[in-house]
Protein backbone atom coordinates (compact mmCIF):
# COMPACT_ATOMS: atom_id res chain seq x y z
CA MET A 1 148.27 -112.91 -133.34
CA ALA A 2 148.91 -115.56 -130.68
CA CYS A 3 152.27 -116.96 -129.68
CA SER A 4 152.84 -119.92 -127.34
CA ARG A 5 155.61 -122.24 -126.18
CA PHE A 6 154.80 -125.89 -125.68
CA TYR A 7 156.79 -128.54 -123.82
CA ILE A 8 155.80 -132.06 -124.83
CA SER A 9 156.68 -135.06 -122.64
CA GLY A 10 156.53 -138.79 -123.25
CA ARG A 11 157.95 -140.84 -126.09
CA VAL A 12 158.53 -137.85 -128.34
CA GLN A 13 162.12 -138.17 -129.52
CA GLY A 14 163.18 -140.60 -132.22
CA VAL A 15 159.62 -140.90 -133.56
CA PHE A 16 159.61 -138.12 -136.20
CA PHE A 17 157.89 -135.72 -133.79
CA ARG A 18 159.82 -132.64 -134.94
CA VAL A 19 159.31 -133.29 -138.65
CA SER A 20 155.62 -134.06 -138.19
CA THR A 21 155.14 -130.97 -136.01
CA ARG A 22 156.86 -128.75 -138.57
CA ASP A 23 154.72 -130.12 -141.40
CA TYR A 24 151.46 -129.73 -139.45
CA ALA A 25 152.37 -126.23 -138.22
CA ARG A 26 153.21 -125.12 -141.77
CA ALA A 27 149.87 -126.49 -143.00
CA LEU A 28 148.18 -124.34 -140.33
CA GLY A 29 150.12 -121.27 -141.48
CA LEU A 30 152.11 -120.96 -138.25
CA ALA A 31 155.59 -119.51 -137.80
CA GLY A 32 157.93 -120.89 -135.15
CA GLN A 33 160.31 -123.67 -134.36
CA VAL A 34 160.51 -127.13 -132.84
CA SER A 35 163.51 -128.68 -131.09
CA ASN A 36 164.54 -131.59 -128.90
CA LEU A 37 165.52 -130.85 -125.31
CA ALA A 38 168.26 -132.67 -123.42
CA ASP A 39 165.73 -133.95 -120.86
CA GLY A 40 163.82 -135.93 -123.53
CA ARG A 41 161.03 -133.44 -124.13
CA VAL A 42 160.26 -131.53 -127.32
CA LYS A 43 159.90 -127.74 -127.25
CA VAL A 44 157.66 -125.92 -129.73
CA LEU A 45 157.30 -122.19 -130.31
CA ALA A 46 154.27 -121.37 -132.46
CA CYS A 47 152.92 -118.00 -133.61
CA GLY A 48 149.83 -117.35 -135.71
CA THR A 49 146.10 -117.06 -135.35
CA THR A 50 144.56 -118.12 -132.06
CA GLN A 51 142.67 -120.89 -133.85
CA ALA A 52 145.81 -122.25 -135.55
CA VAL A 53 147.83 -122.26 -132.31
CA GLN A 54 144.97 -124.08 -130.56
CA ALA A 55 144.74 -126.61 -133.42
CA LEU A 56 148.47 -127.29 -133.07
CA GLN A 57 148.10 -127.72 -129.31
CA ASP A 58 145.32 -130.25 -129.85
CA TRP A 59 147.51 -132.13 -132.36
CA LEU A 60 150.53 -132.11 -130.02
CA TRP A 61 148.61 -134.33 -127.60
CA GLN A 62 148.59 -137.00 -130.32
CA GLY A 63 151.69 -136.34 -132.43
CA PRO A 64 152.86 -138.77 -135.10
CA PRO A 65 151.81 -142.45 -134.95
CA ARG A 66 154.86 -143.73 -133.01
CA ALA A 67 154.71 -140.99 -130.35
CA ARG A 68 153.23 -141.55 -126.90
CA VAL A 69 152.50 -138.12 -125.42
CA THR A 70 152.02 -137.95 -121.66
CA ASP A 71 151.90 -134.17 -121.14
CA VAL A 72 151.73 -130.89 -123.06
CA GLU A 73 152.59 -127.73 -121.10
CA ARG A 74 151.67 -124.37 -122.63
CA GLU A 75 153.12 -120.93 -121.94
CA ASP A 76 151.69 -117.94 -123.79
CA CYS A 77 154.42 -115.48 -124.78
CA ALA A 78 155.03 -112.28 -126.69
CA HIS A 79 155.02 -112.53 -130.47
CA ALA A 80 158.44 -113.20 -131.99
CA PRO A 81 158.39 -110.92 -135.07
CA ASP A 82 161.58 -112.33 -136.60
CA LEU A 83 159.92 -115.69 -137.29
CA LYS A 84 158.99 -116.03 -140.95
CA SER A 85 158.35 -119.78 -141.24
CA PHE A 86 158.27 -122.91 -139.10
CA GLU A 87 161.62 -124.65 -138.72
CA ILE A 88 163.35 -127.51 -136.93
CA THR A 89 166.20 -126.30 -134.75
């Protein structure tokens, strides 16, 4: 089980980034959450198989059609066992 936090920069708020991320993460079978940050970035916590977390990371560089991603930072972290699904917070 892999668990990572991602911080996505660029034009990522107001472009359905959170909804699209949730939908893609659920399709990959990931648990976690996605939220907007006050500084304009989006924060994602994703837990699941190594392959699924990597697939989400690859997708985060693109995001939904109206997004313009300039950076994706990744921090590996301990598994959050209380996560049962992938939600917008």
